[in-house]
N, C-alpha and C. Protein backbone atom coordinates (compact mmCIF):
# COMPACT_ATOMS: atom_id res chain seq x y z
N MET A 1 -173.56 -60.58 -191.71
CA MET A 1 -172.64 -61.61 -191.27
C MET A 1 -171.28 -61.00 -190.93
N TRP A 2 -170.86 -59.97 -191.64
CA TRP A 2 -169.53 -59.40 -191.45
C TRP A 2 -169.50 -58.48 -190.22
N PHE A 3 -168.35 -58.41 -189.54
CA PHE A 3 -168.18 -57.59 -188.35
C PHE A 3 -168.38 -56.10 -188.67
N LYS A 4 -167.92 -55.68 -189.84
CA LYS A 4 -168.14 -54.32 -190.34
C LYS A 4 -168.16 -54.39 -191.86
N ASN A 5 -168.43 -53.28 -192.51
CA ASN A 5 -168.43 -53.26 -193.98
C ASN A 5 -166.99 -53.16 -194.49
N PHE A 6 -166.47 -54.27 -194.96
CA PHE A 6 -165.12 -54.32 -195.50
C PHE A 6 -165.18 -54.15 -197.01
N SER A 7 -164.12 -53.62 -197.58
CA SER A 7 -163.99 -53.56 -199.04
C SER A 7 -162.92 -54.56 -199.47
N VAL A 8 -162.99 -54.95 -200.73
CA VAL A 8 -161.97 -55.84 -201.29
C VAL A 8 -160.60 -55.18 -201.19
N GLN A 9 -160.55 -53.88 -201.42
CA GLN A 9 -159.28 -53.15 -201.35
C GLN A 9 -158.68 -53.23 -199.95
N GLU A 10 -159.50 -53.10 -198.91
CA GLU A 10 -159.00 -53.21 -197.53
C GLU A 10 -158.37 -54.58 -197.29
N ILE A 11 -159.04 -55.62 -197.76
CA ILE A 11 -158.53 -56.98 -197.55
C ILE A 11 -157.23 -57.18 -198.33
N ASN A 12 -157.17 -56.67 -199.54
CA ASN A 12 -155.97 -56.83 -200.36
C ASN A 12 -154.81 -55.96 -199.89
N ASN A 13 -155.08 -54.96 -199.05
CA ASN A 13 -154.01 -54.10 -198.53
C ASN A 13 -153.33 -54.68 -197.29
N ARG A 14 -153.73 -55.87 -196.86
CA ARG A 14 -153.06 -56.47 -195.71
C ARG A 14 -151.62 -56.84 -196.10
N PRO A 15 -150.76 -57.07 -195.14
CA PRO A 15 -149.35 -57.39 -195.47
C PRO A 15 -149.25 -58.57 -196.44
N LYS A 16 -148.27 -58.50 -197.33
CA LYS A 16 -148.10 -59.53 -198.37
C LYS A 16 -146.98 -60.53 -198.05
N ASN A 17 -146.34 -60.40 -196.89
CA ASN A 17 -145.21 -61.26 -196.57
C ASN A 17 -145.64 -62.54 -195.85
N HIS A 18 -146.66 -63.18 -196.38
CA HIS A 18 -147.15 -64.45 -195.87
C HIS A 18 -147.37 -65.37 -197.06
N LEU A 19 -147.70 -66.61 -196.82
CA LEU A 19 -147.81 -67.58 -197.91
C LEU A 19 -148.81 -67.18 -198.98
N GLY A 20 -149.99 -66.72 -198.58
CA GLY A 20 -150.99 -66.30 -199.56
C GLY A 20 -150.48 -65.18 -200.45
N GLY A 21 -149.80 -64.22 -199.85
CA GLY A 21 -149.23 -63.12 -200.61
C GLY A 21 -148.14 -63.57 -201.55
N LEU A 22 -147.29 -64.49 -201.09
CA LEU A 22 -146.20 -65.00 -201.92
C LEU A 22 -146.72 -65.77 -203.13
N LEU A 23 -147.90 -66.38 -202.99
CA LEU A 23 -148.49 -67.13 -204.10
C LEU A 23 -149.37 -66.26 -205.00
N GLY A 24 -149.49 -64.99 -204.68
CA GLY A 24 -150.26 -64.07 -205.53
C GLY A 24 -151.76 -64.12 -205.33
N ILE A 25 -152.23 -64.58 -204.16
CA ILE A 25 -153.66 -64.63 -203.90
C ILE A 25 -154.20 -63.22 -203.72
N GLU A 26 -155.29 -62.93 -204.44
CA GLU A 26 -155.94 -61.63 -204.28
C GLU A 26 -157.44 -61.84 -204.13
N PHE A 27 -158.04 -61.04 -203.26
CA PHE A 27 -159.47 -61.12 -203.04
C PHE A 27 -160.18 -60.30 -204.10
N ILE A 28 -161.31 -60.84 -204.58
CA ILE A 28 -161.99 -60.19 -205.70
C ILE A 28 -163.44 -59.82 -205.41
N GLU A 29 -164.06 -60.45 -204.40
CA GLU A 29 -165.47 -60.15 -204.16
C GLU A 29 -165.87 -60.49 -202.72
N ILE A 30 -166.67 -59.60 -202.15
CA ILE A 30 -167.33 -59.85 -200.87
C ILE A 30 -168.83 -59.75 -201.14
N THR A 31 -169.57 -60.78 -200.75
CA THR A 31 -171.03 -60.74 -200.88
C THR A 31 -171.65 -60.84 -199.49
N ASP A 32 -172.95 -60.83 -199.44
CA ASP A 32 -173.63 -60.99 -198.15
C ASP A 32 -173.40 -62.37 -197.54
N THR A 33 -173.05 -63.35 -198.37
CA THR A 33 -172.93 -64.72 -197.89
C THR A 33 -171.56 -65.34 -198.04
N GLY A 34 -170.60 -64.62 -198.60
CA GLY A 34 -169.30 -65.25 -198.80
C GLY A 34 -168.22 -64.32 -199.30
N LEU A 35 -167.09 -64.93 -199.60
CA LEU A 35 -165.89 -64.22 -200.01
C LEU A 35 -165.24 -64.99 -201.15
N SER A 36 -164.66 -64.28 -202.11
CA SER A 36 -163.98 -64.93 -203.24
C SER A 36 -162.58 -64.36 -203.41
N ALA A 37 -161.68 -65.22 -203.82
CA ALA A 37 -160.29 -64.83 -204.10
C ALA A 37 -159.79 -65.65 -205.28
N ARG A 38 -158.75 -65.12 -205.92
CA ARG A 38 -158.17 -65.87 -207.04
C ARG A 38 -156.67 -65.97 -206.85
N MET A 39 -156.09 -66.95 -207.57
CA MET A 39 -154.67 -67.23 -207.49
C MET A 39 -154.17 -67.60 -208.88
N PRO A 40 -153.01 -67.07 -209.28
CA PRO A 40 -152.48 -67.44 -210.59
C PRO A 40 -151.97 -68.88 -210.61
N VAL A 41 -152.10 -69.50 -211.74
CA VAL A 41 -151.49 -70.80 -211.98
C VAL A 41 -150.21 -70.49 -212.75
N ASP A 42 -149.10 -70.43 -212.03
CA ASP A 42 -147.81 -70.06 -212.62
C ASP A 42 -146.70 -70.87 -211.95
N ASP A 43 -145.46 -70.48 -212.17
CA ASP A 43 -144.35 -71.26 -211.62
C ASP A 43 -144.38 -71.35 -210.10
N ARG A 44 -144.98 -70.38 -209.42
CA ARG A 44 -145.07 -70.43 -207.96
C ARG A 44 -146.05 -71.50 -207.48
N THR A 45 -147.05 -71.81 -208.28
CA THR A 45 -148.15 -72.65 -207.82
C THR A 45 -148.26 -73.99 -208.55
N LYS A 46 -147.35 -74.25 -209.50
CA LYS A 46 -147.41 -75.51 -210.25
C LYS A 46 -146.47 -76.56 -209.65
N GLN A 47 -146.83 -77.80 -209.86
CA GLN A 47 -145.96 -78.92 -209.52
C GLN A 47 -145.04 -79.20 -210.72
N PRO A 48 -144.06 -80.09 -210.59
CA PRO A 48 -143.12 -80.35 -211.70
C PRO A 48 -143.78 -80.85 -212.99
N TYR A 49 -144.99 -81.40 -212.92
CA TYR A 49 -145.68 -81.86 -214.13
C TYR A 49 -146.34 -80.73 -214.91
N GLY A 50 -146.24 -79.51 -214.40
CA GLY A 50 -146.79 -78.36 -215.11
C GLY A 50 -148.26 -78.09 -214.83
N ILE A 51 -148.79 -78.71 -213.78
CA ILE A 51 -150.19 -78.45 -213.41
C ILE A 51 -150.23 -77.88 -211.98
N LEU A 52 -151.36 -77.27 -211.66
CA LEU A 52 -151.54 -76.67 -210.35
C LEU A 52 -151.27 -77.68 -209.24
N HIS A 53 -150.43 -77.31 -208.30
CA HIS A 53 -150.09 -78.16 -207.16
C HIS A 53 -151.29 -78.23 -206.23
N GLY A 54 -151.64 -79.41 -205.77
CA GLY A 54 -152.77 -79.57 -204.86
C GLY A 54 -152.59 -78.78 -203.58
N GLY A 55 -151.35 -78.67 -203.12
CA GLY A 55 -151.08 -77.88 -201.92
C GLY A 55 -151.37 -76.41 -202.12
N ALA A 56 -151.15 -75.91 -203.33
CA ALA A 56 -151.47 -74.51 -203.62
C ALA A 56 -152.98 -74.29 -203.55
N SER A 57 -153.75 -75.27 -204.05
CA SER A 57 -155.21 -75.16 -203.93
C SER A 57 -155.64 -75.14 -202.48
N VAL A 58 -154.99 -75.92 -201.65
CA VAL A 58 -155.31 -75.95 -200.22
C VAL A 58 -154.94 -74.62 -199.57
N VAL A 59 -153.82 -74.04 -199.97
CA VAL A 59 -153.44 -72.72 -199.45
C VAL A 59 -154.51 -71.69 -199.82
N LEU A 60 -154.97 -71.72 -201.06
CA LEU A 60 -156.02 -70.80 -201.49
C LEU A 60 -157.28 -71.00 -200.65
N ALA A 61 -157.69 -72.25 -200.48
CA ALA A 61 -158.90 -72.55 -199.70
C ALA A 61 -158.75 -72.09 -198.25
N GLU A 62 -157.63 -72.40 -197.61
CA GLU A 62 -157.45 -72.00 -196.22
C GLU A 62 -157.33 -70.49 -196.09
N THR A 63 -156.71 -69.85 -197.05
CA THR A 63 -156.58 -68.39 -197.01
C THR A 63 -157.94 -67.72 -197.09
N VAL A 64 -158.75 -68.10 -198.07
CA VAL A 64 -160.05 -67.43 -198.23
C VAL A 64 -160.98 -67.73 -197.05
N GLY A 65 -160.96 -68.95 -196.54
CA GLY A 65 -161.81 -69.29 -195.40
C GLY A 65 -161.36 -68.64 -194.11
N SER A 66 -160.06 -68.61 -193.87
CA SER A 66 -159.55 -67.98 -192.65
C SER A 66 -159.79 -66.48 -192.65
N ILE A 67 -159.58 -65.85 -193.80
CA ILE A 67 -159.85 -64.42 -193.89
C ILE A 67 -161.34 -64.15 -193.71
N ALA A 68 -162.19 -64.99 -194.30
CA ALA A 68 -163.63 -64.83 -194.11
C ALA A 68 -163.99 -64.88 -192.63
N SER A 69 -163.43 -65.84 -191.91
CA SER A 69 -163.70 -65.92 -190.47
C SER A 69 -163.19 -64.68 -189.75
N SER A 70 -162.03 -64.19 -190.14
CA SER A 70 -161.48 -63.02 -189.45
C SER A 70 -162.32 -61.77 -189.71
N LEU A 71 -163.09 -61.76 -190.79
CA LEU A 71 -163.95 -60.62 -191.10
C LEU A 71 -165.28 -60.66 -190.34
N ILE A 72 -165.55 -61.77 -189.68
CA ILE A 72 -166.79 -61.94 -188.93
C ILE A 72 -166.61 -61.61 -187.45
N ILE A 73 -165.42 -61.85 -186.94
CA ILE A 73 -165.18 -61.72 -185.50
C ILE A 73 -164.60 -60.34 -185.16
N ASP A 74 -164.66 -59.99 -183.89
CA ASP A 74 -164.05 -58.77 -183.39
C ASP A 74 -162.55 -59.02 -183.23
N PRO A 75 -161.71 -58.38 -184.06
CA PRO A 75 -160.26 -58.66 -184.02
C PRO A 75 -159.57 -58.21 -182.74
N GLU A 76 -160.21 -57.35 -181.98
CA GLU A 76 -159.64 -56.94 -180.69
C GLU A 76 -159.74 -58.07 -179.66
N GLN A 77 -160.74 -58.94 -179.84
CA GLN A 77 -160.99 -60.00 -178.86
C GLN A 77 -160.58 -61.39 -179.34
N TYR A 78 -160.64 -61.64 -180.66
CA TYR A 78 -160.45 -62.99 -181.16
C TYR A 78 -159.56 -63.01 -182.41
N ILE A 79 -159.00 -64.19 -182.67
CA ILE A 79 -158.34 -64.46 -183.94
C ILE A 79 -158.91 -65.75 -184.51
N ALA A 80 -158.81 -65.89 -185.82
CA ALA A 80 -159.31 -67.07 -186.52
C ALA A 80 -158.11 -67.87 -187.04
N VAL A 81 -158.03 -69.14 -186.66
CA VAL A 81 -156.93 -70.00 -187.10
C VAL A 81 -157.48 -71.32 -187.65
N GLY A 82 -156.86 -71.79 -188.71
CA GLY A 82 -157.29 -73.04 -189.31
C GLY A 82 -157.16 -74.20 -188.34
N LEU A 83 -158.19 -75.03 -188.28
CA LEU A 83 -158.20 -76.20 -187.40
C LEU A 83 -158.12 -77.49 -188.22
N GLU A 84 -158.84 -77.51 -189.35
CA GLU A 84 -158.82 -78.70 -190.22
C GLU A 84 -159.21 -78.26 -191.61
N VAL A 85 -158.51 -78.82 -192.61
CA VAL A 85 -158.84 -78.53 -194.00
C VAL A 85 -158.75 -79.83 -194.79
N ASN A 86 -159.67 -80.02 -195.71
CA ASN A 86 -159.56 -81.15 -196.63
C ASN A 86 -159.86 -80.64 -198.03
N ALA A 87 -159.44 -81.40 -199.01
CA ALA A 87 -159.64 -80.98 -200.40
C ALA A 87 -159.71 -82.20 -201.30
N ASN A 88 -160.63 -82.12 -202.26
CA ASN A 88 -160.71 -83.10 -203.33
C ASN A 88 -160.33 -82.37 -204.62
N HIS A 89 -159.26 -82.83 -205.25
CA HIS A 89 -158.78 -82.22 -206.49
C HIS A 89 -159.44 -82.96 -207.65
N LEU A 90 -160.25 -82.24 -208.43
CA LEU A 90 -161.12 -82.88 -209.41
C LEU A 90 -160.58 -82.85 -210.83
N ARG A 91 -159.79 -81.83 -211.17
CA ARG A 91 -159.24 -81.76 -212.54
C ARG A 91 -157.97 -80.95 -212.51
N PRO A 92 -157.04 -81.26 -213.42
CA PRO A 92 -155.78 -80.50 -213.49
C PRO A 92 -156.02 -79.12 -214.11
N VAL A 93 -155.21 -78.16 -213.68
CA VAL A 93 -155.26 -76.81 -214.24
C VAL A 93 -153.84 -76.47 -214.66
N LYS A 94 -153.67 -76.02 -215.92
CA LYS A 94 -152.33 -75.75 -216.46
C LYS A 94 -151.96 -74.29 -216.54
N GLN A 95 -152.95 -73.41 -216.60
CA GLN A 95 -152.64 -71.99 -216.79
C GLN A 95 -153.79 -71.11 -216.35
N GLY A 96 -153.55 -69.82 -216.36
CA GLY A 96 -154.59 -68.85 -216.02
C GLY A 96 -154.67 -68.60 -214.52
N PHE A 97 -155.90 -68.53 -214.04
CA PHE A 97 -156.18 -68.32 -212.63
C PHE A 97 -157.16 -69.37 -212.15
N VAL A 98 -157.15 -69.63 -210.86
CA VAL A 98 -158.23 -70.38 -210.22
C VAL A 98 -158.88 -69.42 -209.23
N THR A 99 -160.20 -69.56 -209.10
CA THR A 99 -160.98 -68.67 -208.24
C THR A 99 -161.71 -69.50 -207.20
N ALA A 100 -161.54 -69.10 -205.94
CA ALA A 100 -162.18 -69.79 -204.82
C ALA A 100 -163.39 -68.99 -204.35
N HIS A 101 -164.51 -69.68 -204.20
CA HIS A 101 -165.74 -69.09 -203.65
C HIS A 101 -166.02 -69.79 -202.32
N CYS A 102 -166.08 -69.00 -201.26
CA CYS A 102 -166.19 -69.50 -199.90
C CYS A 102 -167.55 -69.10 -199.32
N THR A 103 -168.31 -70.07 -198.83
CA THR A 103 -169.59 -69.79 -198.17
C THR A 103 -169.64 -70.54 -196.84
N ALA A 104 -170.34 -69.95 -195.90
CA ALA A 104 -170.41 -70.52 -194.56
C ALA A 104 -171.35 -71.72 -194.50
N ILE A 105 -170.92 -72.73 -193.80
CA ILE A 105 -171.76 -73.88 -193.46
C ILE A 105 -172.22 -73.73 -192.01
N HIS A 106 -171.30 -73.27 -191.15
CA HIS A 106 -171.59 -73.12 -189.71
C HIS A 106 -170.78 -71.94 -189.18
N LEU A 107 -171.45 -71.05 -188.46
CA LEU A 107 -170.77 -69.91 -187.83
C LEU A 107 -171.11 -69.92 -186.34
N GLY A 108 -170.31 -70.65 -185.59
CA GLY A 108 -170.52 -70.74 -184.14
C GLY A 108 -169.61 -69.79 -183.39
N ALA A 109 -169.74 -69.78 -182.08
CA ALA A 109 -168.91 -68.91 -181.24
C ALA A 109 -167.45 -69.36 -181.21
N LYS A 110 -167.21 -70.67 -181.35
CA LYS A 110 -165.84 -71.18 -181.23
C LYS A 110 -165.30 -71.80 -182.51
N THR A 111 -166.18 -72.13 -183.45
CA THR A 111 -165.72 -72.67 -184.73
C THR A 111 -166.58 -72.14 -185.87
N HIS A 112 -165.95 -72.03 -187.01
CA HIS A 112 -166.63 -71.73 -188.27
C HIS A 112 -166.27 -72.85 -189.23
N VAL A 113 -167.22 -73.25 -190.06
CA VAL A 113 -166.98 -74.26 -191.09
C VAL A 113 -167.36 -73.63 -192.43
N TRP A 114 -166.44 -73.73 -193.39
CA TRP A 114 -166.61 -73.11 -194.71
C TRP A 114 -166.59 -74.15 -195.82
N ASP A 115 -167.45 -73.94 -196.79
CA ASP A 115 -167.46 -74.71 -198.04
C ASP A 115 -166.73 -73.85 -199.07
N ILE A 116 -165.70 -74.40 -199.67
CA ILE A 116 -164.91 -73.64 -200.63
C ILE A 116 -164.82 -74.42 -201.93
N LYS A 117 -165.26 -73.79 -202.99
CA LYS A 117 -165.19 -74.39 -204.32
C LYS A 117 -164.22 -73.56 -205.16
N ILE A 118 -163.33 -74.26 -205.85
CA ILE A 118 -162.31 -73.59 -206.66
C ILE A 118 -162.58 -73.93 -208.12
N TYR A 119 -162.63 -72.87 -208.95
CA TYR A 119 -162.97 -73.00 -210.36
C TYR A 119 -161.84 -72.52 -211.26
N THR A 120 -161.78 -73.07 -212.46
CA THR A 120 -160.85 -72.62 -213.49
C THR A 120 -161.40 -71.36 -214.15
N ASP A 121 -160.58 -70.74 -215.01
CA ASP A 121 -161.04 -69.58 -215.78
C ASP A 121 -162.25 -69.93 -216.65
N ALA A 122 -162.34 -71.19 -217.06
CA ALA A 122 -163.46 -71.63 -217.90
C ALA A 122 -164.70 -71.96 -217.08
N GLY A 123 -164.63 -71.77 -215.76
CA GLY A 123 -165.78 -72.03 -214.91
C GLY A 123 -165.95 -73.48 -214.52
N LYS A 124 -164.93 -74.30 -214.77
CA LYS A 124 -165.00 -75.71 -214.39
C LYS A 124 -164.49 -75.91 -212.98
N LEU A 125 -165.19 -76.73 -212.22
CA LEU A 125 -164.82 -77.01 -210.84
C LEU A 125 -163.53 -77.82 -210.82
N SER A 126 -162.50 -77.31 -210.14
CA SER A 126 -161.23 -78.02 -210.07
C SER A 126 -160.94 -78.59 -208.69
N CYS A 127 -161.57 -78.04 -207.65
CA CYS A 127 -161.30 -78.50 -206.29
C CYS A 127 -162.48 -78.14 -205.39
N ILE A 128 -162.80 -79.05 -204.49
CA ILE A 128 -163.80 -78.81 -203.45
C ILE A 128 -163.08 -78.97 -202.12
N SER A 129 -163.27 -78.00 -201.24
CA SER A 129 -162.58 -78.02 -199.96
C SER A 129 -163.55 -77.66 -198.84
N ARG A 130 -163.25 -78.16 -197.66
CA ARG A 130 -163.98 -77.75 -196.46
C ARG A 130 -162.95 -77.36 -195.42
N LEU A 131 -163.17 -76.21 -194.79
CA LEU A 131 -162.24 -75.69 -193.80
C LEU A 131 -162.97 -75.45 -192.49
N THR A 132 -162.40 -75.95 -191.40
CA THR A 132 -162.88 -75.63 -190.07
C THR A 132 -161.89 -74.66 -189.44
N VAL A 133 -162.42 -73.55 -188.93
CA VAL A 133 -161.60 -72.50 -188.33
C VAL A 133 -161.94 -72.41 -186.85
N ALA A 134 -160.90 -72.37 -186.01
CA ALA A 134 -161.09 -72.17 -184.58
C ALA A 134 -161.08 -70.68 -184.29
N ILE A 135 -162.01 -70.24 -183.46
CA ILE A 135 -162.07 -68.86 -183.01
C ILE A 135 -161.53 -68.86 -181.58
N VAL A 136 -160.36 -68.22 -181.41
CA VAL A 136 -159.67 -68.27 -180.12
C VAL A 136 -159.41 -66.85 -179.61
N PRO A 137 -159.24 -66.70 -178.29
CA PRO A 137 -158.96 -65.38 -177.74
C PRO A 137 -157.69 -64.78 -178.32
N ASN A 138 -157.71 -63.48 -178.55
CA ASN A 138 -156.55 -62.77 -179.08
C ASN A 138 -155.60 -62.43 -177.94
N ASN A 139 -154.77 -63.39 -177.59
CA ASN A 139 -153.79 -63.21 -176.52
C ASN A 139 -152.39 -62.99 -177.06
N LEU A 140 -152.28 -62.77 -178.36
CA LEU A 140 -150.95 -62.67 -178.96
C LEU A 140 -150.31 -61.34 -178.72
């Protein structure tokens, strides 16, 4: 499925001056069918009530899905950009890390659709997300 054999280290060595980097998102696993990343639940990612901000979960979901799409396409010809994301927040998270597991639902020439499940350190499902990514010509 992947454009080439990527390592977790290669993905984590990308520039950190973007939203995912500012929130401490790090990739932890690449499998034949998906990609996983984790994010700390700390002052950067909590809402004023002391629990994980739903927007931070969405950033994690869009980051892991968009990067997964970018690892499938030829970066000389195309870029992957988020087209639509939704999320259902199922339980509050107060501390530790949350881990997103991203698997493909659809990998077309112009769109990719990803199923992203986010879990607590205890393995409890905290968020379910679906991301649609547009595959567009690299004219930048």
